[in-house]
Amino acid sequence: MEWGELTRAGSAVHWAVLNVANGPGARPDPHCLEAAGRLRAAGVKVLGQLDLRWARRPFGELITDAHRFLEWYKADGFYLDRCPTERSLLQEVRRTTTTLGALSDDAHIVLGHGTHPYPGYAEAADQLVTFAGPWTEYRWSQVAEWTADYPAEKFCHLVHGIPRMHLTEAMRIARWQGAASVFFTDRRSWEALPGYWDEIVSRIGQGVSE
């Protein structure tokens, strides 16, 4: 049902993250295979979720999972969850993104920092998630000055727990902070679409991510 809503949203959804079992799982999942195919047919990029564990995940494990996403689900790219933010770990993350890019020429790579990282990370991927958290924190959040050197398409915000009455304010914050891709929900987490999904799609148009 949820996947169907994403495909019906058309061009409003830029990409969707596929997380079968904290990664691609041990074998292809029939339901996820069908969902991934429907999303791609609707023009939505399917990103395989890779958990970096703050750069503590063995490199070989990451690449094995990446191969599985590509072979089983024909992934269009990767969402690197729990991505570190420190300058000292940038080279390790670059090694990972460079290798992932070599596996698939057109791979769309998103770094899931959840906060503003060291500026050098902006050159290591297509997009950075510079906020991921509750509305109670987002409404008072501040943008890092260095982000002004990049287009809004470089940044993504993921915010949960937004009451419908504050949806317009949340959209305004994303524009002020220069984040073109957003996912807003009234739920407590990212596991379900918001009750106001249709309103988001109609008001935002391109740039919604799930």
Protein backbone atom coordinates (compact mmCIF):
# COMPACT_ATOMS: atom_id res chain seq x y z
CA MET A 1 0.00 0.00 0.00
CA GLU A 2 2.71 2.49 0.99
CA TRP A 3 4.85 1.67 -2.05
CA GLY A 4 1.80 2.20 -4.23
CA GLU A 5 1.33 5.70 -2.85
CA LEU A 6 4.94 6.53 -3.74
CA THR A 7 4.49 5.41 -7.34
CA ARG A 8 1.26 7.39 -7.71
CA ALA A 9 3.03 10.53 -6.53
CA GLY A 10 4.89 10.65 -9.85
CA SER A 11 7.66 13.20 -10.22
CA ALA A 12 7.14 14.50 -6.67
CA VAL A 13 9.25 11.60 -5.34
CA HIS A 14 12.91 11.82 -6.29
CA TRP A 15 14.15 8.68 -4.54
CA ALA A 16 13.08 6.04 -2.04
CA VAL A 17 15.26 4.04 0.34
CA LEU A 18 15.00 0.25 0.22
CA ASN A 19 15.89 -1.45 3.51
CA VAL A 20 15.01 -5.13 3.44
CA ALA A 21 16.72 -6.34 6.64
CA ASN A 22 19.14 -3.64 7.72
CA GLY A 23 20.49 -3.92 4.20
CA PRO A 24 19.60 -6.19 1.26
CA GLY A 25 18.99 -9.27 3.42
CA ALA A 26 20.37 -12.77 2.93
CA ARG A 27 18.28 -13.50 -0.16
CA PRO A 28 15.98 -11.61 -2.56
CA ASP A 29 12.66 -10.66 -0.98
CA PRO A 30 9.73 -11.15 -3.43
CA HIS A 31 7.70 -8.25 -2.01
CA CYS A 32 10.66 -5.87 -2.18
CA LEU A 33 11.54 -7.04 -5.70
CA GLU A 34 8.03 -6.13 -6.84
CA ALA A 35 8.07 -2.79 -5.01
CA ALA A 36 11.47 -1.82 -6.43
CA GLY A 37 10.31 -2.65 -9.94
CA ARG A 38 7.16 -0.55 -9.57
CA LEU A 39 9.12 2.41 -8.22
CA ARG A 40 11.63 2.34 -11.06
CA ALA A 41 8.82 2.04 -13.60
CA ALA A 42 7.31 5.20 -12.08
CA GLY A 43 10.61 7.06 -12.46
CA VAL A 44 11.58 6.90 -8.78
CA LYS A 45 15.21 6.10 -7.96
CA VAL A 46 15.58 3.12 -5.63
CA LEU A 47 18.46 3.53 -3.18
CA GLY A 48 19.79 0.54 -1.27
CA GLN A 49 20.40 1.32 2.40
CA LEU A 50 23.95 0.65 3.60
CA ASP A 51 24.66 1.10 7.31
CA LEU A 52 28.12 2.65 7.74
CA ARG A 53 27.90 2.41 11.55
CA TRP A 54 29.77 5.71 11.82
CA ALA A 55 32.63 4.31 9.64
CA ARG A 56 33.05 1.21 11.83
CA ARG A 57 31.47 -1.20 9.32
CA PRO A 58 34.02 -3.43 7.53
CA PHE A 59 34.56 -2.20 3.98
CA GLY A 60 34.10 -5.68 2.50
CA GLU A 61 30.67 -6.08 4.11
CA LEU A 62 29.49 -2.79 2.64
CA ILE A 63 30.57 -3.69 -0.87
CA THR A 64 29.01 -7.15 -0.61
CA ASP A 65 25.69 -5.58 0.38
CA ALA A 66 26.02 -3.06 -2.45
CA HIS A 67 26.49 -5.87 -4.99
CA ARG A 68 23.38 -7.60 -3.66
CA PHE A 69 21.29 -4.44 -4.00
CA LEU A 70 22.49 -4.00 -7.58
CA GLU A 71 22.07 -7.64 -8.61
CA TRP A 72 18.79 -8.40 -6.85
CA TYR A 73 16.93 -5.11 -6.81
CA LYS A 74 18.63 -3.20 -9.68
CA ALA A 75 19.28 -0.32 -7.26
CA ASP A 76 19.81 3.14 -8.76
CA GLY A 77 22.13 4.17 -5.95
CA PHE A 78 22.74 3.99 -2.23
CA TYR A 79 21.71 5.67 1.01
CA LEU A 80 24.64 5.55 3.44
CA ASP A 81 23.00 5.51 6.85
CA ARG A 82 24.80 6.55 10.04
CA CYS A 83 27.42 8.35 8.01
CA PRO A 84 30.12 10.07 10.09
CA THR A 85 30.60 13.83 10.07
CA GLU A 86 34.21 14.25 11.22
CA ARG A 87 36.97 15.55 8.98
CA SER A 88 39.20 12.67 10.10
CA LEU A 89 36.82 10.09 8.59
CA LEU A 90 36.22 11.85 5.27
CA GLN A 91 38.80 9.81 3.36
CA GLU A 92 37.25 6.54 4.52
CA VAL A 93 33.83 7.69 3.34
CA ARG A 94 35.33 8.89 0.05
CA ARG A 95 36.83 5.45 -0.45
CA THR A 96 33.38 3.94 -0.03
CA THR A 97 31.54 6.37 -2.31
CA THR A 98 34.23 6.13 -5.00
CA THR A 99 33.95 2.34 -4.99
CA LEU A 100 30.15 2.47 -5.10
CA GLY A 101 30.34 4.86 -8.03
CA ALA A 102 32.61 2.43 -9.85
CA LEU A 103 30.08 -0.38 -9.36
CA SER A 104 27.36 1.64 -11.10
CA ASP A 105 28.19 4.61 -13.32
CA ASP A 106 24.93 6.46 -12.65
CA ALA A 107 24.62 5.61 -8.96
CA HIS A 108 22.88 8.32 -6.92
CA ILE A 109 24.62 8.44 -3.54
CA VAL A 110 23.15 10.07 -0.44
CA LEU A 111 25.09 10.46 2.80
CA GLY A 112 22.79 10.10 5.82
CA HIS A 113 24.60 12.28 8.35
CA GLY A 114 21.50 13.67 10.04
CA THR A 115 23.39 16.86 10.87
CA HIS A 116 25.85 19.20 9.17
CA PRO A 117 29.16 17.40 8.52
CA TYR A 118 32.61 18.74 7.75
CA PRO A 119 32.19 20.69 4.46
CA GLY A 120 34.40 18.32 2.48
CA TYR A 121 31.70 15.66 2.54
CA ALA A 122 29.70 17.72 0.05
CA GLU A 123 32.12 16.66 -2.69
CA ALA A 124 31.86 12.96 -1.80
CA ALA A 125 28.23 12.33 -2.79
CA ASP A 126 25.25 13.62 -4.74
CA GLN A 127 23.28 14.64 -1.66
CA LEU A 128 23.76 15.06 2.08
CA VAL A 129 21.08 14.63 4.74
CA THR A 130 21.93 17.57 6.99
CA PHE A 131 18.94 17.17 9.30
CA ALA A 132 17.15 14.02 10.45
CA GLY A 133 15.06 14.21 13.58
CA PRO A 134 11.92 15.50 15.28
CA TRP A 135 9.99 18.66 14.56
CA THR A 136 10.67 19.92 18.09
CA GLU A 137 14.35 20.25 17.11
CA TYR A 138 13.88 21.19 13.46
CA ARG A 139 11.82 24.30 14.16
CA TRP A 140 14.79 25.80 16.07
CA SER A 141 17.56 24.40 13.87
CA GLN A 142 20.25 26.53 12.23
CA VAL A 143 21.94 26.05 8.88
CA ALA A 144 25.72 25.84 8.51
CA GLU A 145 27.12 28.82 6.61
CA TRP A 146 29.16 26.69 4.21
CA THR A 147 26.01 25.20 2.67
CA ALA A 148 25.41 28.52 0.87
CA ASP A 149 28.24 27.56 -1.51
CA TYR A 150 26.13 24.71 -2.92
CA PRO A 151 22.75 24.47 -4.68
CA ALA A 152 19.70 23.45 -2.67
CA GLU A 153 19.60 20.16 -4.59
CA LYS A 154 22.67 19.07 -2.64
CA PHE A 155 20.79 18.89 0.69
CA CYS A 156 17.96 16.86 2.18
CA HIS A 157 15.98 17.21 5.43
CA LEU A 158 14.05 14.35 7.08
CA VAL A 159 11.67 15.48 9.82
CA HIS A 160 9.15 13.45 11.82
CA GLY A 161 6.43 14.45 14.26
CA ILE A 162 5.28 17.54 12.34
CA PRO A 163 1.65 18.43 13.14
CA ARG A 164 -0.39 19.35 10.07
CA MET A 165 -0.80 22.90 11.39
CA HIS A 166 2.99 23.38 11.20
CA LEU A 167 3.52 21.89 7.73
CA THR A 168 3.75 25.29 6.04
CA GLU A 169 6.28 26.46 8.61
CA ALA A 170 8.38 23.33 8.05
CA MET A 171 8.40 23.92 4.31
CA ARG A 172 9.48 27.50 4.89
CA ILE A 173 12.38 26.37 7.09
CA ALA A 174 13.57 23.97 4.39
CA ARG A 175 13.54 26.78 1.81
CA TRP A 176 15.36 29.20 4.14
CA GLN A 177 18.01 26.60 4.90
CA GLY A 178 18.44 25.66 1.25
CA ALA A 179 17.26 22.03 1.25
CA ALA A 180 15.49 21.04 -1.96
CA SER A 181 14.69 17.44 -0.97
CA VAL A 182 12.54 16.82 2.08
CA PHE A 183 10.48 14.14 3.75
CA PHE A 184 8.04 15.44 6.37
CA THR A 185 5.73 13.22 8.39
CA ASP A 186 3.39 13.44 11.36
CA ARG A 187 4.45 9.94 12.43
CA ARG A 188 7.04 9.21 15.10
CA SER A 189 9.46 7.61 12.64
CA TRP A 190 10.00 7.02 8.92
CA GLU A 191 8.17 3.69 8.68
CA ALA A 192 4.89 5.06 7.32
CA LEU A 193 3.74 7.89 5.09
CA PRO A 194 2.21 10.93 6.81
CA GLY A 195 -1.51 11.46 7.07
CA TYR A 196 -1.08 14.58 4.92
CA TRP A 197 0.95 12.85 2.18
CA ASP A 198 -1.33 14.03 -0.64
CA GLU A 199 -1.02 17.62 0.57
CA ILE A 200 2.78 17.42 0.61
CA VAL A 201 2.87 16.02 -2.92
CA SER A 202 0.57 18.71 -4.28
CA ARG A 203 2.36 21.58 -2.52
CA ILE A 204 5.99 20.61 -2.94
CA GLY A 205 6.07 18.89 -6.31
CA GLN A 206 9.60 17.79 -7.20
CA GLY A 207 11.99 17.21 -4.34
CA VAL A 208 10.16 14.86 -2.01
CA SER A 209 12.18 11.88 -0.79
CA GLU A 210 11.12 8.83 1.20
